[in-house]
Amino acid sequence: MKQLKYRSAAFLLSNKLDPSAIERVFRSRPMKPSAELNYVNKSNIKLAVVQMQLRPYRSLSEWIAHLQDLVTEAQENGAQLVSFPEYVGLLPLLISPTFRELAEDFFDALEENKVDLCREILSFFNEQLSELLFSCYYNTFALLANRSRLYIHAGSTLLFDHGKLQERCFLFGPDGEAVLEQDKLFLSKTEKALGICPGSELELSDTALGRVAILPGADSSYFEPAKIAYQLGAQIVHVVVLVAEPH
């Protein structure tokens, strides 16, 4: 790995993804609050599922504007809850040409089964990028929910928590507070080889829309999580799918 180059790029990216910079983007691009949650009929909940094509972003504002446009489109169609895809929290990396190169190195190493190089890249992610990206992901989606006055299911992201690498999902309420977080329970062989750790339990949350559970990625392919969600009284079950590959 080109450690010096990547560390320099991480420093530059940290300035671009600063929480105050996120707040400035939302101030410069205000969103119209939705009135769809003023009256909720639990037998007629309207959900919007976002489909995203991977693409590079030239700036933080361009990335946030893309998310805002998707939420606004959902608002205009009467959505009360907007659901984003798996790993959407990693997309700010695409703002940096250097980290687009690092991502290509990672996927090439993954395809060639170079597990040691993949682990080296993930170690760098842990040391230099994990906290930065998580802060950007969390603050951005919290503000999206708060400014739109909708429930926002913020897809998922990778983060290191107490020394463990995990894929985690969040559901934000219309006040911008996280009302549910869920770690992925079932991992692929590749995810296990990379050192990603599974979650330990299925979480549910009572919301104005009903009782909600989230099944990220492969969790939706197994019968047990859906059965447990049903037994715990889930009324809405989110299935988180992977962000589409670029053409």
Protein backbone atom coordinates (compact mmCIF):
# COMPACT_ATOMS: atom_id res chain seq x y z
CA MET A 1 0.00 0.00 0.00
CA LYS A 2 1.04 3.58 -0.66
CA GLN A 3 0.75 4.55 3.01
CA LEU A 4 1.95 8.17 2.78
CA LYS A 5 -0.28 8.91 -0.19
CA TYR A 6 -3.33 7.41 1.51
CA ARG A 7 -2.68 9.12 4.84
CA SER A 8 -2.42 12.48 3.07
CA ALA A 9 -5.66 11.78 1.24
CA ALA A 10 -7.35 10.85 4.53
CA PHE A 11 -6.31 14.19 6.04
CA LEU A 12 -7.72 16.10 3.05
CA LEU A 13 -10.95 14.10 3.14
CA SER A 14 -11.39 14.76 6.86
CA ASN A 15 -11.54 18.49 6.15
CA LYS A 16 -14.14 17.97 3.42
CA LEU A 17 -16.38 15.76 5.60
CA ASP A 18 -16.27 17.89 8.75
CA PRO A 19 -19.68 18.06 10.57
CA SER A 20 -19.78 21.84 10.15
CA ALA A 21 -19.35 21.36 6.39
CA ILE A 22 -22.32 18.98 6.34
CA GLU A 23 -24.43 21.52 8.24
CA ARG A 24 -23.44 24.27 5.78
CA VAL A 25 -24.59 22.16 2.83
CA PHE A 26 -28.01 21.62 4.41
CA ARG A 27 -28.31 25.34 5.20
CA SER A 28 -27.44 26.27 1.63
CA ARG A 29 -29.86 23.68 0.24
CA PRO A 30 -32.92 23.69 2.52
CA MET A 31 -35.50 20.91 2.29
CA LYS A 32 -39.26 21.30 2.49
CA PRO A 33 -40.62 19.39 5.52
CA SER A 34 -43.14 16.67 4.73
CA ALA A 35 -46.60 16.61 6.28
CA GLU A 36 -47.12 12.88 5.61
CA LEU A 37 -46.48 11.89 9.24
CA ASN A 38 -49.10 14.28 10.62
CA TYR A 39 -51.63 11.48 10.21
CA VAL A 40 -50.59 7.85 10.08
CA ASN A 41 -52.85 4.98 9.10
CA LYS A 42 -50.91 1.82 10.00
CA SER A 43 -52.88 -0.20 7.48
CA ASN A 44 -51.75 2.09 4.68
CA ILE A 45 -48.07 2.99 5.15
CA LYS A 46 -46.28 4.38 2.11
CA LEU A 47 -42.60 3.42 1.71
CA ALA A 48 -40.00 4.47 -0.84
CA VAL A 49 -37.07 2.20 -1.71
CA VAL A 50 -34.11 4.09 -3.17
CA GLN A 51 -32.16 2.61 -6.07
CA MET A 52 -28.70 4.12 -6.47
CA GLN A 53 -26.12 3.68 -9.20
CA LEU A 54 -22.53 4.01 -8.04
CA ARG A 55 -20.86 7.15 -9.34
CA PRO A 56 -17.98 9.41 -8.30
CA TYR A 57 -18.80 12.66 -6.51
CA ARG A 58 -16.77 15.82 -6.97
CA SER A 59 -17.65 17.20 -3.52
CA LEU A 60 -19.55 16.63 -0.28
CA SER A 61 -22.28 18.97 -1.47
CA GLU A 62 -22.77 16.92 -4.64
CA TRP A 63 -23.16 13.71 -2.61
CA ILE A 64 -25.64 15.30 -0.18
CA ALA A 65 -27.55 16.93 -3.05
CA HIS A 66 -27.95 13.47 -4.63
CA LEU A 67 -29.39 12.10 -1.37
CA GLN A 68 -31.66 15.14 -0.95
CA ASP A 69 -33.01 14.78 -4.49
CA LEU A 70 -33.86 11.14 -3.85
CA VAL A 71 -35.66 11.98 -0.59
CA THR A 72 -37.49 14.89 -2.23
CA GLU A 73 -38.73 12.60 -5.00
CA ALA A 74 -39.99 10.18 -2.35
CA GLN A 75 -41.70 13.08 -0.51
CA GLU A 76 -43.45 14.20 -3.67
CA ASN A 77 -44.87 10.69 -4.04
CA GLY A 78 -46.24 10.67 -0.50
CA ALA A 79 -43.61 8.48 1.20
CA GLN A 80 -43.54 8.33 4.98
CA LEU A 81 -40.39 6.22 5.15
CA VAL A 82 -37.43 6.24 2.75
CA SER A 83 -35.06 3.26 2.60
CA PHE A 84 -31.48 3.50 1.27
CA PRO A 85 -29.29 0.56 0.13
CA GLU A 86 -26.54 -1.42 1.83
CA TYR A 87 -23.11 0.25 2.25
CA VAL A 88 -24.39 3.70 1.27
CA GLY A 89 -22.33 5.02 4.18
CA LEU A 90 -19.11 4.29 2.29
CA LEU A 91 -19.99 6.44 -0.72
CA PRO A 92 -18.26 9.63 0.56
CA LEU A 93 -14.99 7.80 -0.17
CA LEU A 94 -15.78 8.38 -3.85
CA ILE A 95 -15.25 12.11 -3.32
CA SER A 96 -11.52 11.37 -3.24
CA PRO A 97 -9.85 10.13 -6.47
CA THR A 98 -7.17 8.56 -4.27
CA PHE A 99 -9.69 6.45 -2.38
CA ARG A 100 -11.48 5.49 -5.57
CA GLU A 101 -8.10 4.02 -6.51
CA LEU A 102 -7.85 2.31 -3.10
CA ALA A 103 -11.34 0.83 -3.55
CA GLU A 104 -10.30 -0.56 -6.94
CA ASP A 105 -7.19 -2.10 -5.32
CA PHE A 106 -9.40 -3.66 -2.66
CA PHE A 107 -11.86 -5.21 -5.09
CA ASP A 108 -9.05 -6.46 -7.32
CA ALA A 109 -7.42 -8.10 -4.30
CA LEU A 110 -10.77 -9.54 -3.28
CA GLU A 111 -11.35 -11.00 -6.75
CA GLU A 112 -7.83 -12.49 -6.77
CA ASN A 113 -8.34 -13.87 -3.24
CA LYS A 114 -5.45 -11.81 -1.84
CA VAL A 115 -6.88 -11.87 1.67
CA ASP A 116 -3.74 -10.44 3.32
CA LEU A 117 -3.85 -7.32 1.13
CA CYS A 118 -7.59 -6.95 1.79
CA ARG A 119 -6.92 -7.11 5.52
CA GLU A 120 -4.13 -4.54 5.18
CA ILE A 121 -6.52 -2.15 3.43
CA LEU A 122 -9.18 -2.75 6.08
CA SER A 123 -6.60 -2.08 8.78
CA PHE A 124 -5.89 1.28 7.15
CA PHE A 125 -9.66 1.86 6.97
CA ASN A 126 -9.88 1.22 10.71
CA GLU A 127 -7.02 3.55 11.59
CA GLN A 128 -7.71 6.44 9.22
CA LEU A 129 -11.22 6.33 7.77
CA SER A 130 -13.72 4.42 9.89
CA GLU A 131 -14.51 7.13 12.42
CA LEU A 132 -14.46 9.87 9.77
CA LEU A 133 -16.87 8.05 7.43
CA PHE A 134 -19.19 6.98 10.22
CA SER A 135 -19.48 10.54 11.51
CA CYS A 136 -20.30 11.79 8.00
CA TYR A 137 -22.82 8.98 7.41
CA TYR A 138 -24.57 9.44 10.75
CA ASN A 139 -24.74 13.25 10.66
CA THR A 140 -25.89 13.36 7.04
CA PHE A 141 -28.74 10.89 7.44
CA ALA A 142 -29.82 12.36 10.77
CA LEU A 143 -30.15 15.75 9.07
CA LEU A 144 -31.93 14.21 6.07
CA ALA A 145 -34.56 12.77 8.40
CA ASN A 146 -34.86 15.93 10.48
CA ARG A 147 -35.13 18.32 7.54
CA SER A 148 -37.53 16.14 5.55
CA ARG A 149 -39.58 15.19 8.65
CA LEU A 150 -39.67 11.58 7.47
CA TYR A 151 -38.38 8.25 8.73
CA ILE A 152 -35.11 7.53 6.94
CA HIS A 153 -33.65 4.04 6.87
CA ALA A 154 -30.00 4.93 6.25
CA GLY A 155 -28.94 1.74 4.49
CA SER A 156 -25.75 0.52 6.18
CA THR A 157 -22.09 1.25 6.68
CA LEU A 158 -18.93 -0.45 7.95
CA LEU A 159 -17.48 0.66 11.26
CA PHE A 160 -15.08 -0.51 13.92
CA ASP A 161 -16.83 -0.72 17.28
CA HIS A 162 -14.88 -1.88 20.35
CA GLY A 163 -12.23 -3.39 18.10
CA LYS A 164 -14.70 -5.26 15.89
CA LEU A 165 -15.47 -4.52 12.24
CA GLN A 166 -19.24 -4.66 11.71
CA GLU A 167 -21.84 -3.77 9.13
CA ARG A 168 -24.46 -1.63 10.85
CA CYS A 169 -27.81 -0.16 9.81
CA PHE A 170 -29.70 2.78 11.30
CA LEU A 171 -33.28 4.01 11.19
CA PHE A 172 -33.70 7.74 11.90
CA GLY A 173 -36.95 9.31 13.06
CA PRO A 174 -38.38 12.64 11.85
CA ASP A 175 -36.67 14.46 14.72
CA GLY A 176 -33.29 13.24 13.46
CA GLU A 177 -32.72 10.79 16.32
CA ALA A 178 -31.70 7.17 15.66
CA VAL A 179 -34.62 4.93 16.71
CA LEU A 180 -33.08 1.60 15.64
CA GLU A 181 -29.65 0.18 14.89
CA GLN A 182 -28.97 -3.32 13.62
CA ASP A 183 -25.76 -5.25 12.96
CA LYS A 184 -25.67 -7.79 10.14
CA LEU A 185 -26.16 -11.30 11.56
CA PHE A 186 -25.24 -13.65 8.68
CA LEU A 187 -21.90 -13.18 6.93
CA SER A 188 -20.53 -14.61 3.70
CA LYS A 189 -17.29 -16.62 3.66
CA THR A 190 -15.51 -13.58 2.22
CA GLU A 191 -16.85 -11.27 4.93
CA LYS A 192 -15.70 -13.72 7.60
CA ALA A 193 -12.26 -14.00 5.97
CA LEU A 194 -11.95 -10.21 6.03
CA GLY A 195 -12.63 -10.16 9.75
CA ILE A 196 -16.13 -8.68 9.73
CA CYS A 197 -17.95 -9.76 12.90
CA PRO A 198 -21.62 -10.78 12.97
CA GLY A 199 -24.19 -9.14 15.19
CA SER A 200 -25.62 -11.04 18.14
CA GLU A 201 -29.34 -10.25 18.12
CA LEU A 202 -32.23 -8.85 16.13
CA GLU A 203 -33.37 -5.43 17.28
CA LEU A 204 -36.86 -3.94 16.86
CA SER A 205 -38.23 -0.46 17.38
CA ASP A 206 -41.72 0.88 17.98
CA THR A 207 -42.36 3.86 15.69
CA ALA A 208 -45.36 5.91 14.61
CA LEU A 209 -45.52 3.68 11.52
CA GLY A 210 -45.52 0.41 13.48
CA ARG A 211 -42.96 -2.01 14.90
CA VAL A 212 -39.89 -2.11 12.66
CA ALA A 213 -37.08 -4.64 12.07
CA ILE A 214 -34.15 -4.43 9.63
CA LEU A 215 -32.57 -7.40 7.81
CA PRO A 216 -29.35 -6.25 6.11
CA GLY A 217 -27.92 -8.14 3.15
CA ALA A 218 -27.87 -11.92 3.52
CA ASP A 219 -29.98 -11.75 6.70
CA SER A 220 -33.02 -11.53 4.45
CA SER A 221 -32.04 -14.81 2.75
CA TYR A 222 -32.50 -16.86 5.90
CA PHE A 223 -35.78 -17.95 7.41
CA GLU A 224 -34.77 -17.51 11.05
CA PRO A 225 -34.45 -13.68 11.21
CA ALA A 226 -37.83 -13.19 9.51
CA LYS A 227 -39.40 -15.74 11.88
CA ILE A 228 -37.91 -14.02 14.93
CA ALA A 229 -39.05 -10.61 13.65
CA TYR A 230 -42.57 -12.00 13.22
CA GLN A 231 -42.56 -13.56 16.71
CA LEU A 232 -41.42 -10.25 18.19
CA GLY A 233 -44.33 -8.48 16.55
CA ALA A 234 -42.63 -6.73 13.65
CA GLN A 235 -45.09 -4.99 11.32
CA ILE A 236 -42.50 -3.59 8.89
CA VAL A 237 -39.38 -5.54 7.93
CA HIS A 238 -36.70 -3.72 5.92
CA VAL A 239 -34.52 -5.70 3.57
CA VAL A 240 -31.25 -3.89 2.82
CA VAL A 241 -29.75 -4.67 -0.60
CA LEU A 242 -26.34 -3.79 -1.99
CA VAL A 243 -25.69 -0.52 -3.79
CA ALA A 244 -25.66 -1.24 -7.52
CA GLU A 245 -22.33 -1.72 -9.27
CA PRO A 246 -21.26 0.95 -11.78
CA HIS A 247 -21.83 0.41 -15.48
